[in-house]
């Protein structure tokens, strides 16, 4: 018999998982065209061809849907970040890793654009804020410069860290949206420059 203080993850049927995936797919499309604030549950349900009552059996609100999108995306992103040699990758390793990141962004085009744009917004939805914080924690678990930046009293390093990730995020979005043209390649190169400098402590 399970203990009362343990949280047991719900077991979902294949049909339930399929419905959730359909809702998330519809939400990605609506969020991309309408933005998070303007999007409605009704539009998401209509886009997915799902009754609103069915949607509500899976998600309480659109932030929960965004959280589900984020969770799935983070699983792949975590694996990718963990491929970056630690604790001090060479410039060649950084360039190779950023190229892999760019390919991942192209494969995951909609969530890449959504989560990066939403997490950078001044009034970011809670799920997007949580996404940004978790990305920072993943980097901090691998790279000392990031781990140092999130320590108390390291505000200037945290600002530098966020600037590096901001530049990398914009470069990645531009690359995804513009098919890897010359400008996007240069933006990724500049992002790699800043990433390297931050890790080396001279940014």
Protein backbone atom coordinates (compact mmCIF):
# COMPACT_ATOMS: atom_id res chain seq x y z
CA UNK A 1 0.00 0.00 0.00
CA UNK A 2 1.56 3.38 -1.00
CA UNK A 3 2.57 5.83 1.68
CA UNK A 4 0.45 8.96 2.01
CA UNK A 5 3.48 11.27 1.62
CA UNK A 6 4.48 9.91 -1.77
CA UNK A 7 3.27 11.47 -4.97
CA UNK A 8 2.30 8.77 -7.44
CA UNK A 9 2.43 9.81 -11.08
CA UNK A 10 -0.85 9.06 -12.84
CA UNK A 11 -0.80 6.18 -15.30
CA UNK A 12 -2.25 7.35 -18.59
CA UNK A 13 -3.66 5.11 -21.27
CA UNK A 14 -2.25 5.29 -24.82
CA UNK A 15 -5.51 6.95 -25.85
CA UNK A 16 -5.13 9.58 -23.13
CA UNK A 17 -1.52 10.26 -24.14
CA UNK A 18 -2.59 10.62 -27.76
CA UNK A 19 -5.26 13.15 -26.79
CA UNK A 20 -2.80 15.14 -24.67
CA UNK A 21 -0.32 15.19 -27.55
CA UNK A 22 -3.05 16.41 -29.89
CA UNK A 23 -3.95 19.21 -27.49
CA UNK A 24 -0.31 20.25 -27.15
CA UNK A 25 0.15 20.23 -30.92
CA UNK A 26 -2.92 22.44 -31.36
CA UNK A 27 -1.73 24.76 -28.57
CA UNK A 28 1.68 25.18 -30.20
CA UNK A 29 0.00 26.39 -33.38
CA UNK A 30 -2.38 28.73 -31.55
CA UNK A 31 0.38 30.13 -29.31
CA UNK A 32 2.57 30.79 -32.35
CA UNK A 33 -0.12 32.72 -34.18
CA UNK A 34 -1.95 34.40 -31.28
CA UNK A 35 0.67 34.67 -28.56
CA UNK A 36 0.12 33.29 -25.07
CA UNK A 37 -2.00 36.08 -23.61
CA UNK A 38 -4.39 36.32 -26.56
CA UNK A 39 -4.78 32.56 -27.01
CA UNK A 40 -7.87 30.98 -25.50
CA UNK A 41 -8.79 27.46 -24.44
CA UNK A 42 -11.66 27.62 -26.91
CA UNK A 43 -9.27 28.32 -29.82
CA UNK A 44 -6.95 25.51 -28.75
CA UNK A 45 -9.84 23.04 -28.52
CA UNK A 46 -11.18 24.15 -31.90
CA UNK A 47 -7.77 23.91 -33.54
CA UNK A 48 -7.30 20.39 -32.21
CA UNK A 49 -10.83 19.29 -33.07
CA UNK A 50 -11.34 18.40 -29.42
CA UNK A 51 -14.39 19.23 -27.27
CA UNK A 52 -13.54 21.84 -24.65
CA UNK A 53 -14.82 19.49 -21.93
CA UNK A 54 -12.33 16.85 -23.08
CA UNK A 55 -9.48 19.37 -23.01
CA UNK A 56 -10.34 20.26 -19.42
CA UNK A 57 -10.09 16.61 -18.36
CA UNK A 58 -6.39 16.80 -19.29
CA UNK A 59 -5.40 20.40 -18.50
CA UNK A 60 -6.80 22.99 -16.10
CA UNK A 61 -5.67 25.98 -18.15
CA UNK A 62 -3.37 27.07 -20.96
CA UNK A 63 -0.39 27.46 -18.63
CA UNK A 64 -0.62 23.74 -17.84
CA UNK A 65 -0.58 23.03 -21.56
CA UNK A 66 2.50 25.22 -21.97
CA UNK A 67 4.09 23.36 -19.05
CA UNK A 68 3.49 20.04 -20.80
CA UNK A 69 5.07 21.41 -23.98
CA UNK A 70 8.01 22.65 -21.91
CA UNK A 71 8.47 19.32 -20.09
CA UNK A 72 8.67 17.39 -23.34
CA UNK A 73 11.08 19.90 -24.89
CA UNK A 74 13.28 20.00 -21.80
CA UNK A 75 13.77 16.24 -21.88
CA UNK A 76 15.48 16.53 -25.26
CA UNK A 77 17.32 19.74 -24.39
CA UNK A 78 18.70 18.21 -21.18
CA UNK A 79 20.15 15.29 -23.12
CA UNK A 80 21.75 17.71 -25.55
CA UNK A 81 23.28 19.93 -22.86
CA UNK A 82 24.66 16.85 -21.16
CA UNK A 83 26.60 16.09 -24.36
CA UNK A 84 28.63 19.30 -23.93
CA UNK A 85 32.02 18.26 -22.53
CA UNK A 86 32.49 19.44 -18.96
CA UNK A 87 33.78 21.23 -17.04
CA UNK A 88 35.76 23.31 -19.58
CA UNK A 89 34.92 22.57 -23.22
CA UNK A 90 37.30 23.73 -25.93
CA UNK A 91 36.18 26.20 -28.57
CA UNK A 92 35.95 23.40 -31.10
CA UNK A 93 33.71 21.44 -28.74
CA UNK A 94 31.54 24.51 -28.16
CA UNK A 95 31.16 25.09 -31.92
CA UNK A 96 30.22 21.45 -32.48
CA UNK A 97 27.72 21.54 -29.64
CA UNK A 98 26.08 24.75 -30.86
CA UNK A 99 25.73 23.18 -34.31
CA UNK A 100 23.96 20.24 -32.66
CA UNK A 101 21.78 22.70 -30.71
CA UNK A 102 20.84 24.45 -33.95
CA UNK A 103 19.84 21.13 -35.52
CA UNK A 104 17.76 20.31 -32.45
CA UNK A 105 16.05 23.70 -32.75
CA UNK A 106 15.15 23.02 -36.38
CA UNK A 107 13.73 19.60 -35.49
CA UNK A 108 11.75 21.14 -32.62
CA UNK A 109 10.88 24.37 -34.40
CA UNK A 110 7.59 25.34 -32.76
CA UNK A 111 8.53 24.67 -29.11
CA UNK A 112 11.95 26.24 -29.62
CA UNK A 113 10.44 29.50 -30.83
CA UNK A 114 7.60 29.44 -28.29
CA UNK A 115 9.63 28.69 -25.18
CA UNK A 116 12.53 31.00 -25.98
CA UNK A 117 10.29 33.93 -26.90
CA UNK A 118 7.90 33.39 -24.00
CA UNK A 119 10.69 32.96 -21.43
CA UNK A 120 12.28 36.25 -22.54
CA UNK A 121 9.07 38.23 -22.17
CA UNK A 122 8.77 40.76 -19.35
CA UNK A 123 5.50 39.22 -18.23
CA UNK A 124 6.44 35.63 -19.00
CA UNK A 125 3.83 32.95 -18.25
CA UNK A 126 4.68 30.86 -15.16
CA UNK A 127 5.54 27.82 -17.28
CA UNK A 128 7.93 29.90 -19.38
CA UNK A 129 9.61 31.33 -16.27
CA UNK A 130 9.99 27.80 -14.92
CA UNK A 131 11.48 26.75 -18.25
CA UNK A 132 14.13 29.49 -18.08
CA UNK A 133 15.01 28.61 -14.49
CA UNK A 134 15.31 24.90 -15.28
CA UNK A 135 17.57 25.56 -18.29
CA UNK A 136 19.83 27.58 -15.99
CA UNK A 137 19.92 24.71 -13.49
CA UNK A 138 20.81 22.19 -16.19
CA UNK A 139 23.75 24.32 -17.33
CA UNK A 140 24.80 24.89 -13.72
CA UNK A 141 24.88 21.16 -13.12
CA UNK A 142 27.44 20.81 -15.89
CA UNK A 143 29.50 24.00 -16.10
CA UNK A 144 31.19 25.76 -13.15
CA UNK A 145 30.69 29.26 -14.60
CA UNK A 146 26.92 28.74 -14.58
CA UNK A 147 26.98 27.13 -11.15
CA UNK A 148 28.86 30.15 -9.79
CA UNK A 149 26.44 32.60 -11.43
CA UNK A 150 23.42 31.28 -9.56
CA UNK A 151 25.08 31.50 -6.14
CA UNK A 152 23.93 34.22 -3.71
CA UNK A 153 25.91 37.42 -4.04
CA UNK A 154 26.90 36.77 -7.66
CA UNK A 155 24.42 39.17 -9.25
CA UNK A 156 26.82 40.54 -11.88
CA UNK A 157 27.77 37.02 -12.96
CA UNK A 158 24.10 36.10 -13.13
CA UNK A 159 23.44 39.09 -15.38
CA UNK A 160 26.35 38.09 -17.61
CA UNK A 161 25.06 34.53 -17.69
CA UNK A 162 21.59 35.66 -18.71
CA UNK A 163 23.07 37.90 -21.41
CA UNK A 164 24.93 34.91 -22.86
CA UNK A 165 21.81 32.75 -22.86
CA UNK A 166 19.75 35.61 -24.29
CA UNK A 167 22.14 35.96 -27.23
CA UNK A 168 22.20 32.20 -27.74
CA UNK A 169 18.41 32.05 -27.61
CA UNK A 170 17.95 34.84 -30.16
CA UNK A 171 20.56 33.28 -32.46
CA UNK A 172 18.83 29.91 -32.21
CA UNK A 173 15.39 31.38 -32.96
CA UNK A 174 16.76 33.36 -35.91
CA UNK A 175 18.41 30.21 -37.25
CA UNK A 176 15.18 28.22 -36.92
CA UNK A 177 13.06 30.93 -38.54
CA UNK A 178 15.44 31.74 -41.40
CA UNK A 179 16.66 28.35 -42.50
CA UNK A 180 20.29 28.69 -41.47
CA UNK A 181 21.20 31.59 -43.78
CA UNK A 182 24.49 33.48 -43.59
CA UNK A 183 23.26 35.91 -40.94
CA UNK A 184 22.00 33.10 -38.72
CA UNK A 185 25.37 31.38 -38.98
CA UNK A 186 27.11 34.60 -37.92
CA UNK A 187 24.69 35.04 -35.01
CA UNK A 188 25.44 31.51 -33.82
CA UNK A 189 29.16 32.27 -34.12
CA UNK A 190 28.80 35.40 -31.97
CA UNK A 191 26.77 33.41 -29.45
CA UNK A 192 29.59 30.84 -29.35
CA UNK A 193 32.11 33.66 -28.78
CA UNK A 194 30.14 34.94 -25.78
CA UNK A 195 29.57 31.43 -24.44
CA UNK A 196 33.30 30.69 -24.59
CA UNK A 197 34.23 34.00 -22.97
CA UNK A 198 31.75 33.49 -20.17
CA UNK A 199 33.05 30.00 -19.42
CA UNK A 200 36.63 31.33 -19.42
CA UNK A 201 35.72 34.17 -17.06
CA UNK A 202 36.58 37.09 -19.32
CA UNK A 203 33.18 38.23 -20.53
